[in-house]
Amino acid sequence: MDLLTPGTGLIIWQAFVFLLLVFLLAKFAWKPILNSLKERETSIQQALEAAEKARAEMAHLQANNEKLLQEARNERDKILKEARQTANRLVEEARTEARLAADKIVNDARQAIQLEKQAALREVKVQVARFSIQIAEKLLKKNLENDNAQKELIETYLKDISVN
C-alpha cells in the first residue's frame, strides 16, 4: 500500500511548486490574460453595439425604402390615371371631330344633291320648253299653211290685244 499513498516530502514539494507556479502566473500571466479577456469582451461588446446600430439603421433604411416604394406606387398610379384620362379625352375629341366631319360630309352631300336636283329640274324645264316650242311651231306651220288661216289668227290676236 505504500505505492498508493504519496510521501510527505513529495506532497510538500508539489505544494511548493504549485504555489510557485501560481505566484509566477499571478505575477506575469494573469494580468495579460485578464487584459486580453477584457479587450476581447470590449471588442465583442462593441461588435454587438455596432451590429445593433447596423440593425437599427437597416430597419430605418427599410422603412425609408417602403416609404419610397409607396410614393413611387402612388406616383405611378397618378401617372396611369392621368394617362387614362388623357386617352379618354383624346378618344372623345376624335369621336367629336369624326362626328362633326361626318355631319359636314352629309350636309355637303345633301347640298350637292339639292344643287344637282335643281340643275336637273332646270334642264328638264328647258327641254320641255324647247319641245313645247317645237310642237307649237309644227302645229302653227300646219294650221297656217294657207293665207286665210293666217289672216284669221292675226285678227284674233288683234282683238285680244285691243281688249286687254
N, C-alpha and C. Protein backbone atom coordinates (compact mmCIF):
# COMPACT_ATOMS: atom_id res chain seq x y z
N MET A 1 0.77 -1.17 0.00
CA MET A 1 0.00 0.00 0.00
C MET A 1 0.84 1.28 0.00
N ASP A 2 2.04 1.11 0.13
CA ASP A 2 2.88 2.27 0.12
C ASP A 2 2.91 2.93 -1.26
N LEU A 3 2.58 2.17 -2.23
CA LEU A 3 2.61 2.73 -3.57
C LEU A 3 1.45 3.69 -3.80
N LEU A 4 0.40 3.45 -3.11
CA LEU A 4 -0.76 4.29 -3.34
C LEU A 4 -0.73 5.57 -2.52
N THR A 5 -0.06 5.67 -1.47
CA THR A 5 -0.03 6.87 -0.66
C THR A 5 1.27 7.61 -0.95
N PRO A 6 1.20 8.87 -1.26
CA PRO A 6 2.39 9.62 -1.55
C PRO A 6 3.13 9.97 -0.24
N GLY A 7 4.33 10.26 -0.41
CA GLY A 7 5.12 10.63 0.75
C GLY A 7 4.92 12.09 1.10
N THR A 8 5.26 12.43 2.37
CA THR A 8 5.06 13.79 2.83
C THR A 8 6.01 14.75 2.13
N GLY A 9 7.19 14.31 1.82
CA GLY A 9 8.14 15.16 1.12
C GLY A 9 7.65 15.51 -0.27
N LEU A 10 7.08 14.49 -0.90
CA LEU A 10 6.56 14.72 -2.25
C LEU A 10 5.40 15.70 -2.21
N ILE A 11 4.56 15.59 -1.23
CA ILE A 11 3.40 16.48 -1.11
C ILE A 11 3.88 17.90 -0.88
N ILE A 12 4.93 18.06 -0.04
CA ILE A 12 5.42 19.40 0.25
C ILE A 12 6.02 19.99 -1.02
N TRP A 13 6.83 19.22 -1.75
CA TRP A 13 7.43 19.71 -2.97
C TRP A 13 6.35 20.05 -4.02
N GLN A 14 5.38 19.25 -4.09
CA GLN A 14 4.29 19.53 -5.07
C GLN A 14 3.54 20.79 -4.67
N ALA A 15 3.31 20.99 -3.38
CA ALA A 15 2.62 22.20 -2.91
C ALA A 15 3.48 23.41 -3.18
N PHE A 16 4.84 23.25 -2.93
CA PHE A 16 5.75 24.36 -3.17
C PHE A 16 5.77 24.73 -4.65
N VAL A 17 5.85 23.77 -5.52
CA VAL A 17 5.88 24.03 -6.96
C VAL A 17 4.55 24.64 -7.41
N PHE A 18 3.49 24.14 -6.82
CA PHE A 18 2.16 24.68 -7.19
C PHE A 18 2.05 26.14 -6.78
N LEU A 19 2.49 26.46 -5.58
CA LEU A 19 2.40 27.84 -5.11
C LEU A 19 3.33 28.73 -5.95
N LEU A 20 4.51 28.22 -6.28
CA LEU A 20 5.42 28.99 -7.11
C LEU A 20 4.79 29.24 -8.49
N LEU A 21 4.18 28.23 -9.01
CA LEU A 21 3.51 28.37 -10.32
C LEU A 21 2.37 29.39 -10.26
N VAL A 22 1.60 29.35 -9.17
CA VAL A 22 0.51 30.31 -9.00
C VAL A 22 1.09 31.71 -8.88
N PHE A 23 2.18 31.87 -8.11
CA PHE A 23 2.81 33.19 -7.95
C PHE A 23 3.32 33.70 -9.29
N LEU A 24 4.00 32.86 -10.03
CA LEU A 24 4.54 33.29 -11.31
C LEU A 24 3.41 33.62 -12.30
N LEU A 25 2.40 32.79 -12.28
CA LEU A 25 1.26 33.08 -13.16
C LEU A 25 0.58 34.39 -12.77
N ALA A 26 0.42 34.63 -11.45
CA ALA A 26 -0.21 35.86 -10.99
C ALA A 26 0.66 37.05 -11.34
N LYS A 27 1.98 36.88 -11.23
CA LYS A 27 2.88 37.99 -11.49
C LYS A 27 2.98 38.29 -12.98
N PHE A 28 3.07 37.25 -13.81
CA PHE A 28 3.35 37.50 -15.22
C PHE A 28 2.20 37.16 -16.17
N ALA A 29 1.37 36.21 -15.90
CA ALA A 29 0.40 35.73 -16.88
C ALA A 29 -1.03 36.22 -16.62
N TRP A 30 -1.45 36.35 -15.36
CA TRP A 30 -2.85 36.69 -15.09
C TRP A 30 -3.22 38.06 -15.66
N LYS A 31 -2.37 39.05 -15.48
CA LYS A 31 -2.69 40.40 -15.97
C LYS A 31 -2.83 40.42 -17.49
N PRO A 32 -1.88 39.86 -18.24
CA PRO A 32 -2.07 39.86 -19.69
C PRO A 32 -3.28 39.02 -20.11
N ILE A 33 -3.52 37.91 -19.44
CA ILE A 33 -4.68 37.08 -19.78
C ILE A 33 -5.96 37.84 -19.47
N LEU A 34 -6.01 38.46 -18.28
CA LEU A 34 -7.21 39.24 -17.90
C LEU A 34 -7.39 40.44 -18.83
N ASN A 35 -6.27 41.10 -19.15
CA ASN A 35 -6.36 42.24 -20.09
C ASN A 35 -6.85 41.76 -21.47
N SER A 36 -6.33 40.64 -21.89
CA SER A 36 -6.75 40.08 -23.18
C SER A 36 -8.23 39.73 -23.14
N LEU A 37 -8.67 39.14 -22.02
CA LEU A 37 -10.09 38.81 -21.88
C LEU A 37 -10.95 40.08 -21.86
N LYS A 38 -10.44 41.12 -21.15
CA LYS A 38 -11.20 42.39 -21.12
C LYS A 38 -11.26 43.01 -22.51
N GLU A 39 -10.15 42.98 -23.22
CA GLU A 39 -10.14 43.51 -24.60
C GLU A 39 -11.10 42.72 -25.48
N ARG A 40 -11.05 41.43 -25.29
CA ARG A 40 -11.96 40.57 -26.07
C ARG A 40 -13.41 40.88 -25.73
N GLU A 41 -13.69 41.02 -24.44
CA GLU A 41 -15.06 41.36 -24.00
C GLU A 41 -15.47 42.72 -24.57
N THR A 42 -14.56 43.68 -24.53
CA THR A 42 -14.85 45.02 -25.06
C THR A 42 -15.10 44.96 -26.57
N SER A 43 -14.24 44.22 -27.28
CA SER A 43 -14.44 44.14 -28.74
C SER A 43 -15.74 43.42 -29.07
N ILE A 44 -16.08 42.40 -28.29
CA ILE A 44 -17.36 41.70 -28.52
C ILE A 44 -18.51 42.65 -28.24
N GLN A 45 -18.41 43.43 -27.15
CA GLN A 45 -19.47 44.39 -26.81
C GLN A 45 -19.60 45.44 -27.91
N GLN A 46 -18.47 45.94 -28.39
CA GLN A 46 -18.50 46.94 -29.47
C GLN A 46 -19.09 46.34 -30.74
N ALA A 47 -18.73 45.09 -31.03
CA ALA A 47 -19.29 44.44 -32.22
C ALA A 47 -20.80 44.27 -32.07
N LEU A 48 -21.24 43.91 -30.84
CA LEU A 48 -22.69 43.79 -30.61
C LEU A 48 -23.39 45.13 -30.75
N GLU A 49 -22.77 46.20 -30.23
CA GLU A 49 -23.35 47.53 -30.36
C GLU A 49 -23.39 47.96 -31.83
N ALA A 50 -22.29 47.68 -32.56
CA ALA A 50 -22.25 48.03 -33.98
C ALA A 50 -23.30 47.24 -34.75
N ALA A 51 -23.47 45.96 -34.38
CA ALA A 51 -24.49 45.15 -35.05
C ALA A 51 -25.88 45.68 -34.74
N GLU A 52 -26.09 46.08 -33.49
CA GLU A 52 -27.40 46.64 -33.11
C GLU A 52 -27.64 47.95 -33.85
N LYS A 53 -26.59 48.78 -33.93
CA LYS A 53 -26.70 50.05 -34.65
C LYS A 53 -26.98 49.79 -36.13
N ALA A 54 -26.28 48.81 -36.71
CA ALA A 54 -26.48 48.47 -38.13
C ALA A 54 -27.90 47.92 -38.33
N ARG A 55 -28.38 47.10 -37.36
CA ARG A 55 -29.74 46.58 -37.47
C ARG A 55 -30.77 47.72 -37.42
N ALA A 56 -30.54 48.67 -36.50
CA ALA A 56 -31.45 49.82 -36.40
C ALA A 56 -31.40 50.64 -37.69
N GLU A 57 -30.17 50.82 -38.22
CA GLU A 57 -30.04 51.59 -39.46
C GLU A 57 -30.71 50.86 -40.63
N MET A 58 -30.55 49.55 -40.66
CA MET A 58 -31.21 48.75 -41.71
C MET A 58 -32.73 48.86 -41.60
N ALA A 59 -33.23 48.82 -40.36
CA ALA A 59 -34.67 48.97 -40.15
C ALA A 59 -35.13 50.34 -40.63
N HIS A 60 -34.33 51.35 -40.32
CA HIS A 60 -34.65 52.72 -40.77
C HIS A 60 -34.61 52.81 -42.29
N LEU A 61 -33.55 52.22 -42.89
CA LEU A 61 -33.45 52.23 -44.35
C LEU A 61 -34.60 51.45 -44.99
N GLN A 62 -34.97 50.34 -44.37
CA GLN A 62 -36.08 49.55 -44.90
C GLN A 62 -37.38 50.35 -44.82
N ALA A 63 -37.57 51.07 -43.71
CA ALA A 63 -38.76 51.91 -43.58
C ALA A 63 -38.75 53.00 -44.65
N ASN A 64 -37.56 53.60 -44.86
CA ASN A 64 -37.45 54.63 -45.91
C ASN A 64 -37.72 54.03 -47.29
N ASN A 65 -37.18 52.82 -47.52
CA ASN A 65 -37.42 52.16 -48.81
C ASN A 65 -38.90 51.87 -49.00
N GLU A 66 -39.56 51.41 -47.95
CA GLU A 66 -41.00 51.16 -48.04
C GLU A 66 -41.75 52.45 -48.34
N LYS A 67 -41.32 53.52 -47.68
CA LYS A 67 -41.96 54.82 -47.91
C LYS A 67 -41.74 55.27 -49.36
N LEU A 68 -40.49 55.12 -49.85
CA LEU A 68 -40.19 55.49 -51.23
C LEU A 68 -40.95 54.62 -52.22
N LEU A 69 -41.05 53.32 -51.92
CA LEU A 69 -41.82 52.43 -52.79
C LEU A 69 -43.29 52.84 -52.83
N GLN A 70 -43.83 53.18 -51.67
CA GLN A 70 -45.24 53.60 -51.64
C GLN A 70 -45.43 54.90 -52.42
N GLU A 71 -44.48 55.83 -52.25
CA GLU A 71 -44.57 57.08 -53.01
C GLU A 71 -44.47 56.81 -54.51
N ALA A 72 -43.57 55.90 -54.89
CA ALA A 72 -43.42 55.56 -56.31
C ALA A 72 -44.69 54.91 -56.83
N ARG A 73 -45.28 54.02 -56.03
CA ARG A 73 -46.56 53.40 -56.46
C ARG A 73 -47.64 54.45 -56.62
N ASN A 74 -47.71 55.38 -55.65
CA ASN A 74 -48.72 56.44 -55.75
C ASN A 74 -48.48 57.30 -56.99
N GLU A 75 -47.22 57.63 -57.25
CA GLU A 75 -46.89 58.43 -58.43
C GLU A 75 -47.25 57.67 -59.71
N ARG A 76 -46.92 56.35 -59.73
CA ARG A 76 -47.25 55.53 -60.89
C ARG A 76 -48.77 55.50 -61.11
N ASP A 77 -49.52 55.31 -60.01
CA ASP A 77 -50.97 55.29 -60.13
C ASP A 77 -51.50 56.63 -60.63
N LYS A 78 -50.91 57.71 -60.13
CA LYS A 78 -51.32 59.05 -60.56
C LYS A 78 -51.05 59.23 -62.06
N ILE A 79 -49.85 58.82 -62.50
CA ILE A 79 -49.48 58.96 -63.92
C ILE A 79 -50.39 58.11 -64.79
N LEU A 80 -50.67 56.87 -64.33
CA LEU A 80 -51.57 56.00 -65.10
C LEU A 80 -52.97 56.59 -65.18
N LYS A 81 -53.44 57.15 -64.08
CA LYS A 81 -54.77 57.77 -64.07
C LYS A 81 -54.82 58.94 -65.05
N GLU A 82 -53.78 59.78 -65.00
CA GLU A 82 -53.73 60.92 -65.92
C GLU A 82 -53.65 60.45 -67.37
N ALA A 83 -52.87 59.38 -67.60
CA ALA A 83 -52.75 58.85 -68.97
C ALA A 83 -54.09 58.32 -69.45
N ARG A 84 -54.82 57.61 -68.57
CA ARG A 84 -56.15 57.12 -68.96
C ARG A 84 -57.09 58.28 -69.26
N GLN A 85 -57.04 59.30 -68.40
CA GLN A 85 -57.91 60.46 -68.63
C GLN A 85 -57.56 61.15 -69.94
N THR A 86 -56.27 61.29 -70.21
CA THR A 86 -55.84 61.92 -71.46
C THR A 86 -56.28 61.08 -72.66
N ALA A 87 -56.10 59.76 -72.54
CA ALA A 87 -56.51 58.88 -73.63
C ALA A 87 -58.01 58.96 -73.86
N ASN A 88 -58.79 58.96 -72.78
CA ASN A 88 -60.24 59.06 -72.91
C ASN A 88 -60.63 60.40 -73.53
N ARG A 89 -59.95 61.47 -73.10
CA ARG A 89 -60.25 62.79 -73.65
C ARG A 89 -59.92 62.84 -75.14
N LEU A 90 -58.76 62.27 -75.51
CA LEU A 90 -58.37 62.25 -76.93
C LEU A 90 -59.35 61.42 -77.76
N VAL A 91 -59.78 60.29 -77.21
CA VAL A 91 -60.74 59.45 -77.92
C VAL A 91 -62.05 60.20 -78.09
N GLU A 92 -62.48 60.88 -77.04
CA GLU A 92 -63.74 61.63 -77.11
C GLU A 92 -63.62 62.78 -78.11
N GLU A 93 -62.46 63.46 -78.10
CA GLU A 93 -62.25 64.55 -79.06
C GLU A 93 -62.25 64.00 -80.49
N ALA A 94 -61.60 62.86 -80.68
CA ALA A 94 -61.57 62.25 -82.01
C ALA A 94 -62.98 61.86 -82.45
N ARG A 95 -63.75 61.32 -81.51
CA ARG A 95 -65.14 60.97 -81.85
C ARG A 95 -65.93 62.21 -82.24
N THR A 96 -65.76 63.27 -81.45
CA THR A 96 -66.48 64.51 -81.74
C THR A 96 -66.07 65.06 -83.10
N GLU A 97 -64.76 65.07 -83.35
CA GLU A 97 -64.28 65.58 -84.65
C GLU A 97 -64.79 64.71 -85.79
N ALA A 98 -64.77 63.40 -85.58
CA ALA A 98 -65.27 62.49 -86.63
C ALA A 98 -66.76 62.71 -86.86
N ARG A 99 -67.50 62.90 -85.77
CA ARG A 99 -68.94 63.15 -85.90
C ARG A 99 -69.19 64.45 -86.66
N LEU A 100 -68.41 65.50 -86.30
CA LEU A 100 -68.57 66.78 -86.99
C LEU A 100 -68.19 66.66 -88.47
N ALA A 101 -67.10 65.93 -88.74
CA ALA A 101 -66.68 65.74 -90.13
C ALA A 101 -67.73 64.96 -90.91
N ALA A 102 -68.29 63.93 -90.27
CA ALA A 102 -69.33 63.13 -90.93
C ALA A 102 -70.56 63.99 -91.20
N ASP A 103 -70.95 64.80 -90.22
CA ASP A 103 -72.10 65.69 -90.42
C ASP A 103 -71.84 66.68 -91.54
N LYS A 104 -70.61 67.21 -91.60
CA LYS A 104 -70.26 68.15 -92.66
C LYS A 104 -70.33 67.46 -94.03
N ILE A 105 -69.78 66.24 -94.08
CA ILE A 105 -69.82 65.50 -95.35
C ILE A 105 -71.25 65.23 -95.77
N VAL A 106 -72.10 64.84 -94.81
CA VAL A 106 -73.51 64.57 -95.12
C VAL A 106 -74.19 65.85 -95.60
N ASN A 107 -73.93 66.96 -94.90
CA ASN A 107 -74.55 68.23 -95.31
C ASN A 107 -74.06 68.66 -96.69
N ASP A 108 -72.74 68.52 -96.91
CA ASP A 108 -72.21 68.86 -98.24
C ASP A 108 -72.84 67.98 -99.32
N ALA A 109 -73.00 66.70 -99.01
CA ALA A 109 -73.62 65.79 -99.98
C ALA A 109 -75.07 66.18 -100.24
N ARG A 110 -75.78 66.55 -99.17
CA ARG A 110 -77.17 66.97 -99.34
C ARG A 110 -77.25 68.24 -100.21
N GLN A 111 -76.34 69.18 -99.94
CA GLN A 111 -76.34 70.40 -100.74
C GLN A 111 -76.01 70.09 -102.20
N ALA A 112 -75.03 69.20 -102.40
CA ALA A 112 -74.67 68.83 -103.77
C ALA A 112 -75.85 68.15 -104.46
N ILE A 113 -76.52 67.28 -103.73
CA ILE A 113 -77.70 66.60 -104.31
C ILE A 113 -78.78 67.61 -104.64
N GLN A 114 -78.98 68.58 -103.72
CA GLN A 114 -80.00 69.61 -103.96
C GLN A 114 -79.64 70.43 -105.19
N LEU A 115 -78.34 70.80 -105.30
CA LEU A 115 -77.92 71.58 -106.47
C LEU A 115 -78.09 70.77 -107.76
N GLU A 116 -77.72 69.50 -107.71
CA GLU A 116 -77.88 68.64 -108.89
C GLU A 116 -79.36 68.50 -109.24
N LYS A 117 -80.18 68.40 -108.22
CA LYS A 117 -81.63 68.26 -108.44
C LYS A 117 -82.18 69.52 -109.12
N GLN A 118 -81.75 70.69 -108.59
CA GLN A 118 -82.22 71.94 -109.19
C GLN A 118 -81.72 72.08 -110.62
N ALA A 119 -80.46 71.71 -110.85
CA ALA A 119 -79.93 71.79 -112.21
C ALA A 119 -80.68 70.85 -113.13
N ALA A 120 -81.00 69.66 -112.66
CA ALA A 120 -81.75 68.69 -113.47
C ALA A 120 -83.14 69.22 -113.77
N LEU A 121 -83.78 69.83 -112.74
CA LEU A 121 -85.12 70.39 -112.98
C LEU A 121 -85.07 71.52 -114.00
N ARG A 122 -84.04 72.39 -113.90
CA ARG A 122 -83.91 73.46 -114.90
C ARG A 122 -83.71 72.89 -116.29
N GLU A 123 -82.88 71.85 -116.37
CA GLU A 123 -82.63 71.23 -117.66
C GLU A 123 -83.92 70.62 -118.21
N VAL A 124 -84.68 69.98 -117.31
CA VAL A 124 -85.95 69.39 -117.75
C VAL A 124 -86.90 70.49 -118.22
N LYS A 125 -86.95 71.61 -117.49
CA LYS A 125 -87.82 72.72 -117.87
C LYS A 125 -87.41 73.27 -119.23
N VAL A 126 -86.08 73.40 -119.41
CA VAL A 126 -85.59 73.92 -120.69
C VAL A 126 -85.97 72.96 -121.81
N GLN A 127 -85.80 71.67 -121.59
CA GLN A 127 -86.15 70.67 -122.61
C GLN A 127 -87.65 70.69 -122.90
N VAL A 128 -88.45 70.78 -121.81
CA VAL A 128 -89.90 70.84 -122.00
C VAL A 128 -90.28 72.09 -122.80
N ALA A 129 -89.64 73.23 -122.49
CA ALA A 129 -89.93 74.47 -123.22
C ALA A 129 -89.53 74.33 -124.69
N ARG A 130 -88.40 73.71 -124.97
CA ARG A 130 -87.98 73.52 -126.36
C ARG A 130 -88.97 72.62 -127.11
N PHE A 131 -89.29 71.50 -126.42
CA PHE A 131 -90.24 70.59 -127.06
C PHE A 131 -91.58 71.29 -127.30
N SER A 132 -92.00 72.10 -126.31
CA SER A 132 -93.28 72.81 -126.48
C SER A 132 -93.21 73.79 -127.66
N ILE A 133 -92.09 74.49 -127.75
CA ILE A 133 -91.94 75.45 -128.86
C ILE A 133 -91.91 74.72 -130.19
N GLN A 134 -91.18 73.60 -130.23
CA GLN A 134 -91.11 72.84 -131.49
C GLN A 134 -92.50 72.31 -131.88
N ILE A 135 -93.23 71.80 -130.85
CA ILE A 135 -94.58 71.29 -131.15
C ILE A 135 -95.48 72.43 -131.61
N ALA A 136 -95.38 73.59 -130.91
CA ALA A 136 -96.23 74.73 -131.29
C ALA A 136 -95.87 75.22 -132.68
N GLU A 137 -94.57 75.22 -132.99
CA GLU A 137 -94.13 75.65 -134.30
C GLU A 137 -94.67 74.73 -135.38
N LYS A 138 -94.62 73.44 -135.15
CA LYS A 138 -95.12 72.50 -136.14
C LYS A 138 -96.64 72.63 -136.29
N LEU A 139 -97.31 72.82 -135.16
CA LEU A 139 -98.76 73.00 -135.24
C LEU A 139 -99.12 74.27 -136.01
N LEU A 140 -98.39 75.35 -135.71
CA LEU A 140 -98.69 76.61 -136.39
C LEU A 140 -98.38 76.50 -137.88
N LYS A 141 -97.32 75.83 -138.22
CA LYS A 141 -96.99 75.66 -139.63
C LYS A 141 -98.10 74.89 -140.33
N LYS A 142 -98.55 73.87 -139.66
CA LYS A 142 -99.59 73.06 -140.28
C LYS A 142 -100.91 73.85 -140.39
N ASN A 143 -101.25 74.58 -139.34
CA ASN A 143 -102.50 75.32 -139.32
C ASN A 143 -102.44 76.57 -140.20
N LEU A 144 -101.26 77.11 -140.39
CA LEU A 144 -101.16 78.35 -141.13
C LEU A 144 -100.59 78.14 -142.53
N GLU A 145 -100.87 77.05 -143.09
CA GLU A 145 -100.35 76.79 -144.42
C GLU A 145 -101.03 77.69 -145.49
N ASN A 146 -102.21 78.00 -145.22
CA ASN A 146 -102.86 78.86 -146.22
C ASN A 146 -103.00 80.27 -145.68
N ASP A 147 -103.28 81.24 -146.56
CA ASP A 147 -103.34 82.65 -146.19
C ASP A 147 -104.58 82.97 -145.36
N ASN A 148 -105.68 82.33 -145.60
CA ASN A 148 -106.91 82.61 -144.87
C ASN A 148 -106.73 82.28 -143.38
N ALA A 149 -106.11 81.19 -143.10
CA ALA A 149 -105.90 80.80 -141.70
C ALA A 149 -104.98 81.80 -141.01
N GLN A 150 -103.97 82.33 -141.72
CA GLN A 150 -103.06 83.30 -141.14
C GLN A 150 -103.80 84.59 -140.83
N LYS A 151 -104.67 85.01 -141.73
CA LYS A 151 -105.42 86.26 -141.52
C LYS A 151 -106.36 86.11 -140.34
N GLU A 152 -107.00 84.97 -140.18
CA GLU A 152 -107.92 84.75 -139.06
C GLU A 152 -107.15 84.79 -137.73
N LEU A 153 -105.99 84.18 -137.70
CA LEU A 153 -105.20 84.15 -136.47
C LEU A 153 -104.74 85.56 -136.11
N ILE A 154 -104.34 86.35 -137.08
CA ILE A 154 -103.89 87.73 -136.83
C ILE A 154 -105.03 88.55 -136.28
N GLU A 155 -106.21 88.39 -136.88
CA GLU A 155 -107.37 89.15 -136.41
C GLU A 155 -107.75 88.75 -134.99
N THR A 156 -107.64 87.48 -134.67
CA THR A 156 -107.96 87.02 -133.31
C THR A 156 -106.99 87.63 -132.32
N TYR A 157 -105.70 87.67 -132.64
CA TYR A 157 -104.69 88.23 -131.73
C TYR A 157 -104.91 89.73 -131.57
N LEU A 158 -105.28 90.39 -132.66
CA LEU A 158 -105.51 91.83 -132.58
C LEU A 158 -106.71 92.12 -131.69
N LYS A 159 -107.74 91.33 -131.74
CA LYS A 159 -108.90 91.53 -130.89
C LYS A 159 -108.52 91.32 -129.42
N ASP A 160 -107.70 90.31 -129.17
CA ASP A 160 -107.28 90.04 -127.79
C ASP A 160 -106.44 91.19 -127.26
N ILE A 161 -105.59 91.73 -128.09
CA ILE A 161 -104.70 92.81 -127.66
C ILE A 161 -105.52 94.06 -127.39
N SER A 162 -106.48 94.37 -128.20
CA SER A 162 -107.24 95.58 -128.02
C SER A 162 -108.17 95.44 -126.82
N VAL A 163 -108.55 94.23 -126.47
CA VAL A 163 -109.44 94.02 -125.34
C VAL A 163 -108.66 94.20 -124.03
N ASN A 164 -107.50 93.77 -124.01
CA ASN A 164 -106.69 93.84 -122.77
C ASN A 164 -106.27 95.25 -122.58
